[in-house]
């Protein structure tokens, strides 16, 4: 099923592909630098006890992203 949602909506163990970034400026540059481009597969590894940040597996590296930032990343589930 192809549904567009936000990265922050991904549950632990689920995978999705990035469709677009809604961020601008330096945060957009950081996201692109870690490999978050269209078509990149992302897996939600673990959510912290307080819910923020969340660990994602991106191109073989585990990256923690704050909810504030993952809310601006669109994915295709």
N, C-alpha and C. Protein backbone atom coordinates (compact mmCIF):
# COMPACT_ATOMS: atom_id res chain seq x y z
N UNK A 1 0.85 -1.17 0.00
CA UNK A 1 0.00 0.00 0.00
C UNK A 1 0.90 1.24 0.00
N UNK A 2 0.68 2.14 -0.92
CA UNK A 2 1.49 3.35 -1.02
C UNK A 2 0.74 4.52 -0.40
N UNK A 3 1.21 4.90 0.79
CA UNK A 3 0.61 6.00 1.52
C UNK A 3 1.69 7.02 1.86
N UNK A 4 1.44 8.28 1.59
CA UNK A 4 2.38 9.34 1.94
C UNK A 4 2.10 9.76 3.38
N UNK A 5 3.14 9.75 4.20
CA UNK A 5 3.02 10.22 5.58
C UNK A 5 4.35 10.85 5.98
N UNK A 6 4.49 11.17 7.26
CA UNK A 6 5.70 11.81 7.75
C UNK A 6 6.58 10.77 8.44
N UNK A 7 7.87 11.01 8.44
CA UNK A 7 8.83 10.08 9.05
C UNK A 7 8.52 9.88 10.53
N UNK A 8 8.05 10.90 11.21
CA UNK A 8 7.75 10.78 12.63
C UNK A 8 6.61 9.80 12.91
N UNK A 9 5.81 9.45 11.90
CA UNK A 9 4.70 8.51 12.07
C UNK A 9 5.13 7.05 11.95
N UNK A 10 6.37 6.81 11.54
CA UNK A 10 6.88 5.45 11.37
C UNK A 10 7.03 4.79 12.74
N UNK A 11 6.58 3.55 12.86
CA UNK A 11 6.68 2.82 14.12
C UNK A 11 7.95 1.97 14.12
N UNK A 12 8.39 1.58 15.31
CA UNK A 12 9.59 0.76 15.44
C UNK A 12 9.47 -0.51 14.59
N UNK A 13 10.52 -0.80 13.81
CA UNK A 13 10.55 -1.98 12.96
C UNK A 13 10.01 -1.76 11.56
N UNK A 14 9.34 -0.65 11.31
CA UNK A 14 8.78 -0.38 9.99
C UNK A 14 9.80 0.30 9.09
N UNK A 15 9.67 0.08 7.80
CA UNK A 15 10.54 0.73 6.82
C UNK A 15 9.69 1.51 5.82
N UNK A 16 10.31 2.51 5.23
CA UNK A 16 9.63 3.34 4.23
C UNK A 16 10.68 4.00 3.36
N UNK A 17 10.24 4.59 2.26
CA UNK A 17 11.14 5.32 1.37
C UNK A 17 10.83 6.81 1.43
N UNK A 18 11.89 7.61 1.42
CA UNK A 18 11.74 9.06 1.45
C UNK A 18 11.19 9.54 0.11
N UNK A 19 10.18 10.43 0.17
CA UNK A 19 9.65 11.01 -1.06
C UNK A 19 10.09 12.45 -1.23
N UNK A 20 10.16 13.21 -0.12
CA UNK A 20 10.63 14.59 -0.22
C UNK A 20 10.94 15.17 1.16
N UNK A 21 11.70 16.26 1.15
CA UNK A 21 12.04 17.00 2.36
C UNK A 21 11.33 18.35 2.32
N UNK A 22 10.72 18.71 3.43
CA UNK A 22 10.02 19.99 3.52
C UNK A 22 10.86 21.03 4.26
N UNK A 23 12.08 20.67 4.64
CA UNK A 23 12.95 21.58 5.36
C UNK A 23 13.69 22.50 4.40
N UNK A 24 14.23 23.59 4.95
CA UNK A 24 15.01 24.52 4.15
C UNK A 24 16.28 24.88 4.91
N UNK A 25 17.17 25.55 4.24
CA UNK A 25 18.38 26.07 4.88
C UNK A 25 19.35 25.00 5.33
N UNK A 26 19.98 25.26 6.47
CA UNK A 26 21.03 24.37 6.95
C UNK A 26 20.49 23.00 7.36
N UNK A 27 19.27 22.93 7.86
CA UNK A 27 18.72 21.62 8.24
C UNK A 27 18.49 20.76 7.00
N UNK A 28 18.06 21.36 5.91
CA UNK A 28 17.90 20.60 4.66
C UNK A 28 19.24 20.06 4.20
N UNK A 29 20.28 20.88 4.30
CA UNK A 29 21.63 20.47 3.91
C UNK A 29 22.10 19.29 4.76
N UNK A 30 21.82 19.33 6.06
CA UNK A 30 22.22 18.23 6.95
C UNK A 30 21.50 16.94 6.58
N UNK A 31 20.21 17.06 6.30
CA UNK A 31 19.43 15.87 5.92
C UNK A 31 19.96 15.27 4.62
N UNK A 32 20.28 16.12 3.67
CA UNK A 32 20.85 15.63 2.41
C UNK A 32 22.22 15.00 2.64
N UNK A 33 23.02 15.58 3.54
CA UNK A 33 24.35 15.05 3.83
C UNK A 33 24.32 13.66 4.45
N UNK A 34 23.28 13.36 5.24
CA UNK A 34 23.21 12.01 5.83
C UNK A 34 22.53 11.02 4.88
N UNK A 35 22.16 11.47 3.70
CA UNK A 35 21.64 10.57 2.69
C UNK A 35 20.14 10.54 2.56
N UNK A 36 19.43 11.46 3.17
CA UNK A 36 17.98 11.49 3.05
C UNK A 36 17.58 12.20 1.76
N UNK A 37 17.60 11.43 0.68
CA UNK A 37 17.18 11.94 -0.62
C UNK A 37 16.02 11.07 -1.10
N UNK A 38 15.35 11.50 -2.13
CA UNK A 38 14.21 10.75 -2.67
C UNK A 38 14.62 9.32 -3.00
N UNK A 39 13.84 8.37 -2.50
CA UNK A 39 14.10 6.96 -2.77
C UNK A 39 14.92 6.25 -1.71
N UNK A 40 15.48 6.97 -0.76
CA UNK A 40 16.28 6.35 0.30
C UNK A 40 15.37 5.56 1.24
N UNK A 41 15.74 4.32 1.52
CA UNK A 41 14.98 3.50 2.45
C UNK A 41 15.40 3.83 3.88
N UNK A 42 14.41 4.01 4.75
CA UNK A 42 14.65 4.36 6.15
C UNK A 42 13.89 3.36 7.02
N UNK A 43 14.57 2.88 8.06
CA UNK A 43 13.93 1.97 9.01
C UNK A 43 13.94 2.61 10.39
N UNK A 44 12.80 2.58 11.06
CA UNK A 44 12.72 3.08 12.43
C UNK A 44 13.26 1.98 13.34
N UNK A 45 14.36 2.25 14.02
CA UNK A 45 15.01 1.25 14.86
C UNK A 45 14.45 1.28 16.27
N UNK A 46 14.43 2.47 16.88
CA UNK A 46 14.00 2.55 18.27
C UNK A 46 13.59 3.97 18.63
N UNK A 47 12.52 4.06 19.40
CA UNK A 47 12.09 5.36 19.91
C UNK A 47 12.60 5.48 21.35
N UNK A 48 13.04 6.66 21.72
CA UNK A 48 13.53 6.87 23.08
C UNK A 48 12.35 6.80 24.06
N UNK A 49 12.62 6.56 25.35
CA UNK A 49 11.54 6.45 26.33
C UNK A 49 10.61 7.66 26.36
N UNK A 50 11.15 8.84 26.15
CA UNK A 50 10.32 10.04 26.16
C UNK A 50 9.76 10.34 24.76
N UNK A 51 10.14 9.55 23.76
CA UNK A 51 9.60 9.70 22.41
C UNK A 51 10.41 10.59 21.49
N UNK A 52 11.45 11.22 22.00
CA UNK A 52 12.23 12.14 21.16
C UNK A 52 13.67 12.14 21.65
N UNK A 53 14.68 11.89 20.85
CA UNK A 53 14.65 11.63 19.41
C UNK A 53 14.36 10.16 19.11
N UNK A 54 14.31 9.84 17.83
CA UNK A 54 14.07 8.49 17.36
C UNK A 54 15.28 8.05 16.53
N UNK A 55 15.69 6.80 16.71
CA UNK A 55 16.82 6.25 15.95
C UNK A 55 16.32 5.61 14.66
N UNK A 56 16.94 6.00 13.54
CA UNK A 56 16.59 5.46 12.22
C UNK A 56 17.83 4.85 11.58
N UNK A 57 17.63 3.78 10.83
CA UNK A 57 18.70 3.19 10.04
C UNK A 57 18.62 3.79 8.65
N UNK A 58 19.66 4.56 8.29
CA UNK A 58 19.70 5.26 7.02
C UNK A 58 21.00 4.92 6.32
N UNK A 59 20.91 4.21 5.21
CA UNK A 59 22.10 3.85 4.42
C UNK A 59 23.19 3.19 5.26
N UNK A 60 22.78 2.28 6.17
CA UNK A 60 23.74 1.53 6.97
C UNK A 60 24.20 2.21 8.24
N UNK A 61 23.74 3.42 8.51
CA UNK A 61 24.14 4.14 9.72
C UNK A 61 22.89 4.42 10.57
N UNK A 62 23.05 4.32 11.88
CA UNK A 62 21.95 4.65 12.78
C UNK A 62 22.06 6.13 13.13
N UNK A 63 21.00 6.86 12.81
CA UNK A 63 20.97 8.31 13.01
C UNK A 63 19.77 8.66 13.90
N UNK A 64 20.00 9.49 14.92
CA UNK A 64 18.91 9.96 15.77
C UNK A 64 18.40 11.29 15.22
N UNK A 65 17.10 11.37 15.01
CA UNK A 65 16.48 12.58 14.46
C UNK A 65 15.36 13.02 15.40
N UNK A 66 15.35 14.31 15.71
CA UNK A 66 14.30 14.87 16.56
C UNK A 66 12.96 14.86 15.84
N UNK A 67 11.90 14.77 16.61
CA UNK A 67 10.55 14.77 16.04
C UNK A 67 10.27 16.05 15.26
N UNK A 68 10.80 17.14 15.75
CA UNK A 68 10.65 18.43 15.07
C UNK A 68 11.16 18.37 13.63
N UNK A 69 12.25 17.63 13.42
CA UNK A 69 12.84 17.52 12.09
C UNK A 69 12.22 16.38 11.28
N UNK A 70 11.92 15.25 11.93
CA UNK A 70 11.32 14.12 11.20
C UNK A 70 9.90 14.43 10.75
N UNK A 71 9.29 15.42 11.35
CA UNK A 71 7.95 15.86 10.96
C UNK A 71 7.96 16.53 9.58
N UNK A 72 9.14 16.93 9.12
CA UNK A 72 9.28 17.63 7.84
C UNK A 72 9.85 16.74 6.74
N UNK A 73 9.83 15.42 6.96
CA UNK A 73 10.33 14.46 5.98
C UNK A 73 9.16 13.58 5.55
N UNK A 74 8.81 13.64 4.28
CA UNK A 74 7.69 12.84 3.77
C UNK A 74 8.20 11.49 3.30
N UNK A 75 7.43 10.44 3.63
CA UNK A 75 7.80 9.07 3.27
C UNK A 75 6.65 8.39 2.55
N UNK A 76 6.97 7.31 1.88
CA UNK A 76 6.00 6.48 1.17
C UNK A 76 6.03 5.12 1.85
N UNK A 77 4.95 4.78 2.56
CA UNK A 77 4.88 3.51 3.31
C UNK A 77 4.43 2.38 2.42
